[in-house]
Amino acid sequence: MTETILALLIFLFPLAYSPGPGNMLFAANGALFGFRATLPASAGYHLATWLMTLGIGLGLTGLFETWPLLFAILKTTGAAYVLWLAIKLWRARATNTVHSARPVTFRDGAMLLLLNPKAYVIITLIFSQFLSSTETHVLGAVLLITTVFTLNNLLAFSTWTLIGDRLAGAFRQERYAAWLNRGFATVLAGVAMWMLMA
């Protein structure tokens, strides 16, 4: 059991901490609004992560095999959603940004996970690697993998949010606010393009 958890964490480390759509969105919001303001979105994202991971672990992956068009629609919709968030961030006023934009919400966090095709691929990959076909306690193993995956993501997102929050300390002056907004918006737009091509 301990060896499985350790192997899973090692496997997840580069996936969880790489600059994907979730990490970049939370870093941007940490920079704009501070760590505490991102907590509702984080709760939405990670509740959706736990439920979706559990569902995939219990057999929802068959949907994508039966209807590959569903995955293509999800991929395009997810990229469009991230691009929309990037545009909102780009257009936020340089002055008084906190009043001209708003932190992502619980719903935004949940939608980000549900519309992120990378998440489905990673979750499916995790179960293909760490859930044995001869497992006698399937529900217990799925719950363990689901919980470890979700908590690892929570730690990664919190780290990126704190990085954004600390980075913003150097950009609190009015003249730098637009640079920060547009820098994060550009990264998010790049992530949206990557989601389409991946």
C-alpha atoms as a PDB file:
ATOM      1  CA  MET A   1       0.000   0.000   0.000  1.00  0.00           C
ATOM      2  CA  THR A   2       2.698   2.529   1.009  1.00  0.00           C
ATOM      3  CA  GLU A   3       4.826   1.539  -2.000  1.00  0.00           C
ATOM      4  CA  THR A   4       1.839   2.075  -4.318  1.00  0.00           C
ATOM      5  CA  ILE A   5       1.194   5.550  -2.884  1.00  0.00           C
ATOM      6  CA  LEU A   6       4.871   6.495  -3.200  1.00  0.00           C
ATOM      7  CA  ALA A   7       5.053   5.215  -6.790  1.00  0.00           C
ATOM      8  CA  LEU A   8       1.849   7.097  -7.625  1.00  0.00           C
ATOM      9  CA  LEU A   9       3.192  10.357  -6.156  1.00  0.00           C
ATOM     10  CA  ILE A  10       6.450  10.020  -8.108  1.00  0.00           C
ATOM     11  CA  PHE A  11       4.454   9.336 -11.269  1.00  0.00           C
ATOM     12  CA  LEU A  12       2.152  12.324 -10.646  1.00  0.00           C
ATOM     13  CA  PHE A  13       4.825  14.859  -9.689  1.00  0.00           C
ATOM     14  CA  PRO A  14       5.739  16.122 -13.194  1.00  0.00           C
ATOM     15  CA  LEU A  15       2.105  15.953 -14.316  1.00  0.00           C
ATOM     16  CA  ALA A  16       0.715  17.862 -11.336  1.00  0.00           C
ATOM     17  CA  TYR A  17       3.367  20.582 -11.144  1.00  0.00           C
ATOM     18  CA  SER A  18       3.795  21.320 -14.869  1.00  0.00           C
ATOM     19  CA  PRO A  19       2.182  24.566 -16.116  1.00  0.00           C
ATOM     20  CA  GLY A  20      -1.172  23.227 -17.257  1.00  0.00           C
ATOM     21  CA  PRO A  21      -4.466  25.157 -17.477  1.00  0.00           C
ATOM     22  CA  GLY A  22      -5.347  24.685 -13.810  1.00  0.00           C
ATOM     23  CA  ASN A  23      -1.957  25.676 -12.440  1.00  0.00           C
ATOM     24  CA  MET A  24      -1.723  28.756 -14.646  1.00  0.00           C
ATOM     25  CA  LEU A  25      -5.249  29.898 -13.851  1.00  0.00           C
ATOM     26  CA  PHE A  26      -4.634  29.561 -10.122  1.00  0.00           C
ATOM     27  CA  ALA A  27      -1.253  31.289 -10.356  1.00  0.00           C
ATOM     28  CA  ALA A  28      -2.907  34.191 -12.193  1.00  0.00           C
ATOM     29  CA  ASN A  29      -5.693  34.439  -9.632  1.00  0.00           C
ATOM     30  CA  GLY A  30      -3.224  34.197  -6.768  1.00  0.00           C
ATOM     31  CA  ALA A  31      -1.342  37.104  -8.325  1.00  0.00           C
ATOM     32  CA  LEU A  32      -4.433  39.230  -8.830  1.00  0.00           C
ATOM     33  CA  PHE A  33      -6.504  38.485  -5.752  1.00  0.00           C
ATOM     34  CA  GLY A  34      -4.286  36.651  -3.259  1.00  0.00           C
ATOM     35  CA  PHE A  35      -4.281  33.078  -2.009  1.00  0.00           C
ATOM     36  CA  ARG A  36      -7.425  33.267   0.117  1.00  0.00           C
ATOM     37  CA  ALA A  37      -9.629  34.507  -2.734  1.00  0.00           C
ATOM     38  CA  THR A  38      -8.850  31.389  -4.782  1.00  0.00           C
ATOM     39  CA  LEU A  39     -10.140  28.969  -2.128  1.00  0.00           C
ATOM     40  CA  PRO A  40     -13.727  28.678  -3.520  1.00  0.00           C
ATOM     41  CA  ALA A  41     -12.414  27.876  -7.019  1.00  0.00           C
ATOM     42  CA  SER A  42      -9.945  25.402  -5.565  1.00  0.00           C
ATOM     43  CA  ALA A  43     -12.775  23.692  -3.675  1.00  0.00           C
ATOM     44  CA  GLY A  44     -14.819  23.462  -6.898  1.00  0.00           C
ATOM     45  CA  TYR A  45     -11.907  22.110  -8.922  1.00  0.00           C
ATOM     46  CA  HIS A  46     -10.868  19.519  -6.386  1.00  0.00           C
ATOM     47  CA  LEU A  47     -14.371  18.308  -5.571  1.00  0.00           C
ATOM     48  CA  ALA A  48     -14.897  17.840  -9.331  1.00  0.00           C
ATOM     49  CA  THR A  49     -11.489  16.122  -9.519  1.00  0.00           C
ATOM     50  CA  TRP A  50     -12.392  13.649  -6.793  1.00  0.00           C
ATOM     51  CA  LEU A  51     -15.818  12.843  -8.272  1.00  0.00           C
ATOM     52  CA  MET A  52     -14.549  12.563 -11.857  1.00  0.00           C
ATOM     53  CA  THR A  53     -11.564  10.437 -10.859  1.00  0.00           C
ATOM     54  CA  LEU A  54     -13.830   8.127  -8.874  1.00  0.00           C
ATOM     55  CA  GLY A  55     -16.208   7.851 -11.823  1.00  0.00           C
ATOM     56  CA  ILE A  56     -13.427   7.065 -14.290  1.00  0.00           C
ATOM     57  CA  GLY A  57     -11.938   4.562 -11.880  1.00  0.00           C
ATOM     58  CA  LEU A  58     -15.301   2.816 -11.663  1.00  0.00           C
ATOM     59  CA  GLY A  59     -15.699   2.590 -15.434  1.00  0.00           C
ATOM     60  CA  LEU A  60     -16.664   5.860 -17.148  1.00  0.00           C
ATOM     61  CA  THR A  61     -13.707   5.636 -19.553  1.00  0.00           C
ATOM     62  CA  GLY A  62     -15.824   3.364 -21.736  1.00  0.00           C
ATOM     63  CA  LEU A  63     -17.840   6.428 -22.765  1.00  0.00           C
ATOM     64  CA  PHE A  64     -14.859   7.897 -24.611  1.00  0.00           C
ATOM     65  CA  GLU A  65     -14.070   4.591 -26.292  1.00  0.00           C
ATOM     66  CA  THR A  66     -17.680   4.196 -27.437  1.00  0.00           C
ATOM     67  CA  TRP A  67     -18.126   7.830 -28.504  1.00  0.00           C
ATOM     68  CA  PRO A  68     -14.763   9.353 -29.516  1.00  0.00           C
ATOM     69  CA  LEU A  69     -16.637  12.436 -30.777  1.00  0.00           C
ATOM     70  CA  LEU A  70     -17.531  13.173 -27.147  1.00  0.00           C
ATOM     71  CA  PHE A  71     -13.830  13.493 -26.307  1.00  0.00           C
ATOM     72  CA  ALA A  72     -13.239  15.794 -29.328  1.00  0.00           C
ATOM     73  CA  ILE A  73     -16.129  18.039 -28.236  1.00  0.00           C
ATOM     74  CA  LEU A  74     -14.789  18.115 -24.688  1.00  0.00           C
ATOM     75  CA  LYS A  75     -11.322  19.011 -25.944  1.00  0.00           C
ATOM     76  CA  THR A  76     -12.567  21.930 -28.081  1.00  0.00           C
ATOM     77  CA  THR A  77     -14.946  23.223 -25.415  1.00  0.00           C
ATOM     78  CA  GLY A  78     -12.240  23.062 -22.749  1.00  0.00           C
ATOM     79  CA  ALA A  79      -9.752  24.982 -24.884  1.00  0.00           C
ATOM     80  CA  ALA A  80     -12.397  27.611 -25.682  1.00  0.00           C
ATOM     81  CA  TYR A  81     -13.204  28.008 -21.974  1.00  0.00           C
ATOM     82  CA  VAL A  82      -9.542  28.537 -21.029  1.00  0.00           C
ATOM     83  CA  LEU A  83      -9.160  31.011 -23.927  1.00  0.00           C
ATOM     84  CA  TRP A  84     -12.236  32.909 -22.685  1.00  0.00           C
ATOM     85  CA  LEU A  85     -10.676  33.148 -19.214  1.00  0.00           C
ATOM     86  CA  ALA A  86      -7.437  34.419 -20.823  1.00  0.00           C
ATOM     87  CA  ILE A  87      -9.318  37.124 -22.749  1.00  0.00           C
ATOM     88  CA  LYS A  88     -11.069  38.277 -19.563  1.00  0.00           C
ATOM     89  CA  LEU A  89      -7.708  38.515 -17.824  1.00  0.00           C
ATOM     90  CA  TRP A  90      -6.125  40.401 -20.755  1.00  0.00           C
ATOM     91  CA  ARG A  91      -8.962  42.943 -20.792  1.00  0.00           C
ATOM     92  CA  ALA A  92      -8.904  43.585 -17.038  1.00  0.00           C
ATOM     93  CA  ARG A  93      -7.990  47.217 -16.412  1.00  0.00           C
ATOM     94  CA  ALA A  94      -4.414  47.857 -15.413  1.00  0.00           C
ATOM     95  CA  THR A  95      -5.555  50.121 -12.591  1.00  0.00           C
ATOM     96  CA  ASN A  96      -7.635  48.812  -9.746  1.00  0.00           C
ATOM     97  CA  THR A  97      -7.621  45.306 -11.205  1.00  0.00           C
ATOM     98  CA  VAL A  98      -9.346  43.722  -8.245  1.00  0.00           C
ATOM     99  CA  HIS A  99     -12.411  45.911  -8.877  1.00  0.00           C
ATOM    100  CA  SER A 100     -12.436  45.450 -12.667  1.00  0.00           C
ATOM    101  CA  ALA A 101     -12.095  41.655 -12.564  1.00  0.00           C
ATOM    102  CA  ARG A 102     -13.241  38.983 -10.165  1.00  0.00           C
ATOM    103  CA  PRO A 103     -11.602  35.865  -8.755  1.00  0.00           C
ATOM    104  CA  VAL A 104     -12.597  32.564 -10.297  1.00  0.00           C
ATOM    105  CA  THR A 105     -15.531  30.979  -8.492  1.00  0.00           C
ATOM    106  CA  PHE A 106     -16.440  27.501  -7.238  1.00  0.00           C
ATOM    107  CA  ARG A 107     -18.286  26.930 -10.528  1.00  0.00           C
ATOM    108  CA  ASP A 108     -15.311  28.135 -12.601  1.00  0.00           C
ATOM    109  CA  GLY A 109     -13.049  25.724 -10.756  1.00  0.00           C
ATOM    110  CA  ALA A 110     -15.366  22.784 -11.349  1.00  0.00           C
ATOM    111  CA  MET A 111     -15.847  23.692 -15.025  1.00  0.00           C
ATOM    112  CA  LEU A 112     -12.095  23.976 -15.535  1.00  0.00           C
ATOM    113  CA  LEU A 113     -11.676  20.362 -14.454  1.00  0.00           C
ATOM    114  CA  LEU A 114     -14.714  19.022 -16.312  1.00  0.00           C
ATOM    115  CA  LEU A 115     -13.668  20.698 -19.587  1.00  0.00           C
ATOM    116  CA  ASN A 116      -9.969  19.791 -19.353  1.00  0.00           C
ATOM    117  CA  PRO A 117      -9.193  16.841 -21.660  1.00  0.00           C
ATOM    118  CA  LYS A 118      -5.692  16.543 -20.154  1.00  0.00           C
ATOM    119  CA  ALA A 119      -7.323  15.586 -16.851  1.00  0.00           C
ATOM    120  CA  TYR A 120      -9.269  12.718 -18.445  1.00  0.00           C
ATOM    121  CA  VAL A 121      -6.155  11.388 -20.168  1.00  0.00           C
ATOM    122  CA  ILE A 122      -4.080  11.571 -16.967  1.00  0.00           C
ATOM    123  CA  ILE A 123      -6.787   9.962 -14.829  1.00  0.00           C
ATOM    124  CA  THR A 124      -7.245   7.117 -17.321  1.00  0.00           C
ATOM    125  CA  LEU A 125      -3.479   6.650 -17.473  1.00  0.00           C
ATOM    126  CA  ILE A 126      -3.246   6.524 -13.677  1.00  0.00           C
ATOM    127  CA  PHE A 127      -5.807   3.751 -13.408  1.00  0.00           C
ATOM    128  CA  SER A 128      -4.233   1.798 -16.260  1.00  0.00           C
ATOM    129  CA  GLN A 129      -0.900   1.894 -14.402  1.00  0.00           C
ATOM    130  CA  PHE A 130      -1.914   1.586 -10.757  1.00  0.00           C
ATOM    131  CA  LEU A 131      -5.151  -0.417 -10.713  1.00  0.00           C
ATOM    132  CA  SER A 132      -4.457  -4.101 -11.184  1.00  0.00           C
ATOM    133  CA  SER A 133      -6.891  -6.178 -13.215  1.00  0.00           C
ATOM    134  CA  THR A 134      -6.584  -8.821 -10.482  1.00  0.00           C
ATOM    135  CA  GLU A 135      -7.385  -6.352  -7.676  1.00  0.00           C
ATOM    136  CA  THR A 136      -9.698  -8.025  -5.153  1.00  0.00           C
ATOM    137  CA  HIS A 137     -10.781  -4.805  -3.386  1.00  0.00           C
ATOM    138  CA  VAL A 138     -11.463  -2.634  -6.437  1.00  0.00           C
ATOM    139  CA  LEU A 139     -13.553   0.019  -4.676  1.00  0.00           C
ATOM    140  CA  GLY A 140     -10.930   0.488  -1.939  1.00  0.00           C
ATOM    141  CA  ALA A 141      -8.115   0.747  -4.507  1.00  0.00           C
ATOM    142  CA  VAL A 142     -10.094   3.236  -6.632  1.00  0.00           C
ATOM    143  CA  LEU A 143     -10.876   5.354  -3.552  1.00  0.00           C
ATOM    144  CA  LEU A 144      -7.212   5.349  -2.517  1.00  0.00           C
ATOM    145  CA  ILE A 145      -5.950   6.357  -5.982  1.00  0.00           C
ATOM    146  CA  THR A 146      -8.700   8.982  -6.314  1.00  0.00           C
ATOM    147  CA  THR A 147      -7.890  10.555  -2.946  1.00  0.00           C
ATOM    148  CA  VAL A 148      -4.108  10.556  -3.441  1.00  0.00           C
ATOM    149  CA  PHE A 149      -4.512  12.084  -6.912  1.00  0.00           C
ATOM    150  CA  THR A 150      -6.868  14.796  -5.635  1.00  0.00           C
ATOM    151  CA  LEU A 151      -4.729  15.733  -2.624  1.00  0.00           C
ATOM    152  CA  ASN A 152      -1.584  15.841  -4.779  1.00  0.00           C
ATOM    153  CA  ASN A 153      -3.365  18.194  -7.204  1.00  0.00           C
ATOM    154  CA  LEU A 154      -4.523  20.358  -4.304  1.00  0.00           C
ATOM    155  CA  LEU A 155      -0.925  20.715  -3.117  1.00  0.00           C
ATOM    156  CA  ALA A 156       0.296  21.552  -6.629  1.00  0.00           C
ATOM    157  CA  PHE A 157      -2.420  24.175  -7.199  1.00  0.00           C
ATOM    158  CA  SER A 158      -1.797  25.707  -3.781  1.00  0.00           C
ATOM    159  CA  THR A 159       1.909  25.965  -4.615  1.00  0.00           C
ATOM    160  CA  TRP A 160       1.214  27.691  -7.928  1.00  0.00           C
ATOM    161  CA  THR A 161      -1.313  30.014  -6.263  1.00  0.00           C
ATOM    162  CA  LEU A 162       1.270  31.021  -3.634  1.00  0.00           C
ATOM    163  CA  ILE A 163       3.861  31.592  -6.382  1.00  0.00           C
ATOM    164  CA  GLY A 164       1.397  33.896  -8.144  1.00  0.00           C
ATOM    165  CA  ASP A 165       0.589  35.681  -4.892  1.00  0.00           C
ATOM    166  CA  ARG A 166       4.287  36.244  -4.087  1.00  0.00           C
ATOM    167  CA  LEU A 167       5.119  37.248  -7.667  1.00  0.00           C
ATOM    168  CA  ALA A 168       2.378  39.852  -7.592  1.00  0.00           C
ATOM    169  CA  GLY A 169       4.064  41.511  -4.620  1.00  0.00           C
ATOM    170  CA  ALA A 170       6.700  42.772  -7.032  1.00  0.00           C
ATOM    171  CA  PHE A 171       4.039  44.035  -9.440  1.00  0.00           C
ATOM    172  CA  ARG A 172       1.653  45.844  -7.122  1.00  0.00           C
ATOM    173  CA  GLN A 173       2.541  49.208  -8.627  1.00  0.00           C
ATOM    174  CA  GLU A 174      -0.035  50.475 -11.078  1.00  0.00           C
ATOM    175  CA  ARG A 175       2.311  50.628 -14.070  1.00  0.00           C
ATOM    176  CA  TYR A 176       3.198  46.934 -13.734  1.00  0.00           C
ATOM    177  CA  ALA A 177      -0.366  45.628 -13.247  1.00  0.00           C
ATOM    178  CA  ALA A 178      -1.143  45.436 -16.974  1.00  0.00           C
ATOM    179  CA  TRP A 179       2.103  43.540 -17.637  1.00  0.00           C
ATOM    180  CA  LEU A 180       1.191  40.953 -15.035  1.00  0.00           C
ATOM    181  CA  ASN A 181      -2.403  40.577 -16.298  1.00  0.00           C
ATOM    182  CA  ARG A 182      -1.312  40.245 -19.918  1.00  0.00           C
ATOM    183  CA  GLY A 183       1.583  37.964 -19.092  1.00  0.00           C
ATOM    184  CA  PHE A 184      -0.695  35.469 -17.360  1.00  0.00           C
ATOM    185  CA  ALA A 185      -3.364  35.936 -20.066  1.00  0.00           C
ATOM    186  CA  THR A 186      -0.789  35.077 -22.747  1.00  0.00           C
ATOM    187  CA  VAL A 187       0.283  31.946 -20.863  1.00  0.00           C
ATOM    188  CA  LEU A 188      -3.365  30.876 -20.490  1.00  0.00           C
ATOM    189  CA  ALA A 189      -3.997  31.478 -24.203  1.00  0.00           C
ATOM    190  CA  GLY A 190      -0.943  29.340 -24.979  1.00  0.00           C
ATOM    191  CA  VAL A 191      -2.311  26.593 -22.739  1.00  0.00           C
ATOM    192  CA  ALA A 192      -5.646  26.776 -24.616  1.00  0.00           C
ATOM    193  CA  MET A 193      -3.824  26.284 -27.930  1.00  0.00           C
ATOM    194  CA  TRP A 194      -1.865  23.379 -26.444  1.00  0.00           C
ATOM    195  CA  MET A 195      -5.122  21.784 -25.284  1.00  0.00           C
ATOM    196  CA  LEU A 196      -6.446  21.925 -28.851  1.00  0.00           C
ATOM    197  CA  MET A 197      -3.312  20.368 -30.351  1.00  0.00           C
ATOM    198  CA  ALA A 198      -2.579  17.756 -27.658  1.00  0.00           C
END
